[in-house]
Amino acid sequence: MIQAIPKRLLIHSAELITEFEPDIWGKASETAKQKLENIRIEYSAKNVSDSSGTVISLSATLFFDCKNSSPEGIKFALKGGVIDGKTVENQQVKFGEKLFTVKTIEPLYADSDKIHHYEVGLA
């Protein structure tokens, strides 16, 4: 069994900002904000490819441990994803004075069906 990422390594906090598309009746878009606690953000410059082969330049990776980070049940999403029945327009992470856009979401599993942690690529 894989151990949780130790809290001593999860030294950061940030804010997750999710902007939703207007609904089909034209209701203005909503924005939801959630405080992320006991996370880790590592700055790095790397290029990755998305499912369509487009190269994305990332400037940081957010590590969210499913046991030691909060809030429990967090939902990361890319543009066009759906959270609680609403379509996501954009998801951003505010860390200090920097505002990053969520570009990749990689759930890593401890076993066949339980997510151990997320690695979220930020640009």
Protein backbone atom coordinates (compact mmCIF):
# COMPACT_ATOMS: atom_id res chain seq x y z
CA MET A 1 0.00 0.00 0.00
CA ILE A 2 1.30 3.43 -0.93
CA GLN A 3 1.62 5.88 1.96
CA ALA A 4 0.07 9.35 1.77
CA ILE A 5 2.31 12.27 0.92
CA PRO A 6 3.58 13.42 4.34
CA LYS A 7 2.12 16.69 5.63
CA ARG A 8 5.64 17.99 6.26
CA LEU A 9 6.03 18.11 2.46
CA LEU A 10 2.61 19.69 1.84
CA ILE A 11 3.67 23.16 2.98
CA HIS A 12 1.61 25.38 0.70
CA SER A 13 -1.92 26.71 0.45
CA ALA A 14 -3.63 28.34 -2.52
CA GLU A 15 -7.05 29.23 -3.89
CA LEU A 16 -8.79 27.26 -6.64
CA ILE A 17 -10.98 29.50 -8.79
CA THR A 18 -13.48 27.82 -11.10
CA GLU A 19 -15.35 29.88 -13.69
CA PHE A 20 -18.43 28.27 -15.22
CA GLU A 21 -19.93 28.96 -18.65
CA PRO A 22 -23.27 30.78 -18.82
CA ASP A 23 -26.16 28.32 -18.83
CA ILE A 24 -28.38 27.66 -21.84
CA TRP A 25 -30.89 30.26 -20.63
CA GLY A 26 -28.23 32.99 -20.60
CA LYS A 27 -27.78 33.14 -16.84
CA ALA A 28 -24.46 34.89 -16.15
CA SER A 29 -21.46 32.70 -15.48
CA GLU A 30 -20.65 31.78 -11.90
CA THR A 31 -17.31 31.68 -10.13
CA ALA A 32 -16.57 29.29 -7.27
CA LYS A 33 -13.57 29.68 -4.97
CA GLN A 34 -12.09 27.01 -2.74
CA LYS A 35 -9.15 27.22 -0.34
CA LEU A 36 -6.60 24.46 -0.96
CA GLU A 37 -4.65 23.48 2.16
CA ASN A 38 -1.69 21.15 2.67
CA ILE A 39 -0.70 21.10 -0.99
CA ARG A 40 2.65 21.47 -2.69
CA ILE A 41 3.49 23.64 -5.67
CA GLU A 42 6.75 22.97 -7.47
CA TYR A 43 7.94 25.46 -10.05
CA SER A 44 9.34 23.86 -13.19
CA ALA A 45 9.50 24.62 -16.86
CA LYS A 46 8.40 21.65 -18.90
CA ASN A 47 6.49 20.91 -22.05
CA VAL A 48 3.79 18.25 -22.24
CA SER A 49 1.37 17.18 -24.98
CA ASP A 50 -2.37 17.02 -24.52
CA SER A 51 -4.60 14.32 -25.99
CA SER A 52 -4.75 16.14 -29.33
CA GLY A 53 -0.95 16.43 -29.57
CA THR A 54 -0.83 20.15 -28.77
CA VAL A 55 2.31 21.08 -26.81
CA ILE A 56 1.59 22.88 -23.54
CA SER A 57 4.29 24.78 -21.63
CA LEU A 58 3.84 24.31 -17.88
CA SER A 59 5.45 26.54 -15.28
CA ALA A 60 4.46 24.64 -12.12
CA THR A 61 2.90 21.44 -10.79
CA LEU A 62 0.40 21.32 -7.95
CA PHE A 63 0.40 18.15 -5.81
CA PHE A 64 -2.89 17.41 -4.03
CA ASP A 65 -2.83 14.35 -1.74
CA CYS A 66 -6.24 12.71 -1.33
CA LYS A 67 -5.59 11.95 2.36
CA ASN A 68 -3.64 14.92 3.70
CA SER A 69 -4.70 17.81 1.43
CA SER A 70 -8.04 19.58 1.73
CA PRO A 71 -10.83 20.07 0.94
CA GLU A 72 -11.86 16.44 0.64
CA GLY A 73 -13.55 15.57 -2.66
CA ILE A 74 -11.94 18.39 -4.64
CA LYS A 75 -12.84 18.49 -8.33
CA PHE A 76 -10.26 19.67 -10.82
CA ALA A 77 -11.45 20.26 -14.40
CA LEU A 78 -10.27 21.54 -17.73
CA LYS A 79 -12.27 23.83 -20.04
CA GLY A 80 -15.40 21.99 -21.10
CA GLY A 81 -15.35 19.65 -18.10
CA VAL A 82 -18.40 19.40 -15.87
CA ILE A 83 -18.56 19.98 -12.11
CA ASP A 84 -21.88 19.54 -10.32
CA GLY A 85 -23.78 19.74 -13.60
CA LYS A 86 -22.13 23.02 -14.69
CA THR A 87 -19.70 23.34 -17.59
CA VAL A 88 -16.28 24.73 -16.69
CA GLU A 89 -15.03 27.73 -18.66
CA ASN A 90 -11.70 28.02 -16.84
CA GLN A 91 -10.00 26.83 -13.67
CA GLN A 92 -7.18 28.77 -12.06
CA VAL A 93 -4.96 28.51 -8.99
CA LYS A 94 -3.95 31.64 -7.09
CA PHE A 95 -0.68 31.02 -5.25
CA GLY A 96 0.72 34.08 -3.53
CA GLU A 97 0.47 36.87 -6.07
CA LYS A 98 0.61 34.52 -9.09
CA LEU A 99 -2.43 33.30 -10.98
CA PHE A 100 -1.95 30.03 -12.87
CA THR A 101 -4.32 28.29 -15.30
CA VAL A 102 -4.99 24.57 -14.90
CA LYS A 103 -3.70 22.90 -18.09
CA THR A 104 -3.35 19.21 -17.18
CA ILE A 105 -4.86 16.97 -14.51
CA GLU A 106 -3.27 13.63 -13.75
CA PRO A 107 -4.87 11.39 -11.12
CA LEU A 108 -2.37 8.87 -9.76
CA TYR A 109 -3.79 5.71 -8.25
CA ALA A 110 -2.66 3.84 -5.12
CA ASP A 111 -4.38 0.71 -6.37
CA SER A 112 -6.78 -0.11 -9.17
CA ASP A 113 -9.66 2.10 -8.06
CA LYS A 114 -8.54 4.63 -5.43
CA ILE A 115 -6.83 7.90 -6.35
CA HIS A 116 -3.71 8.51 -4.25
CA HIS A 117 -2.99 12.08 -5.39
CA TYR A 118 -3.41 14.52 -8.24
CA GLU A 119 -0.64 16.22 -10.17
CA VAL A 120 -2.08 19.35 -11.75
CA GLY A 121 -0.06 21.09 -14.46
CA LEU A 122 -0.18 24.87 -14.25
CA ALA A 123 0.73 27.52 -16.81
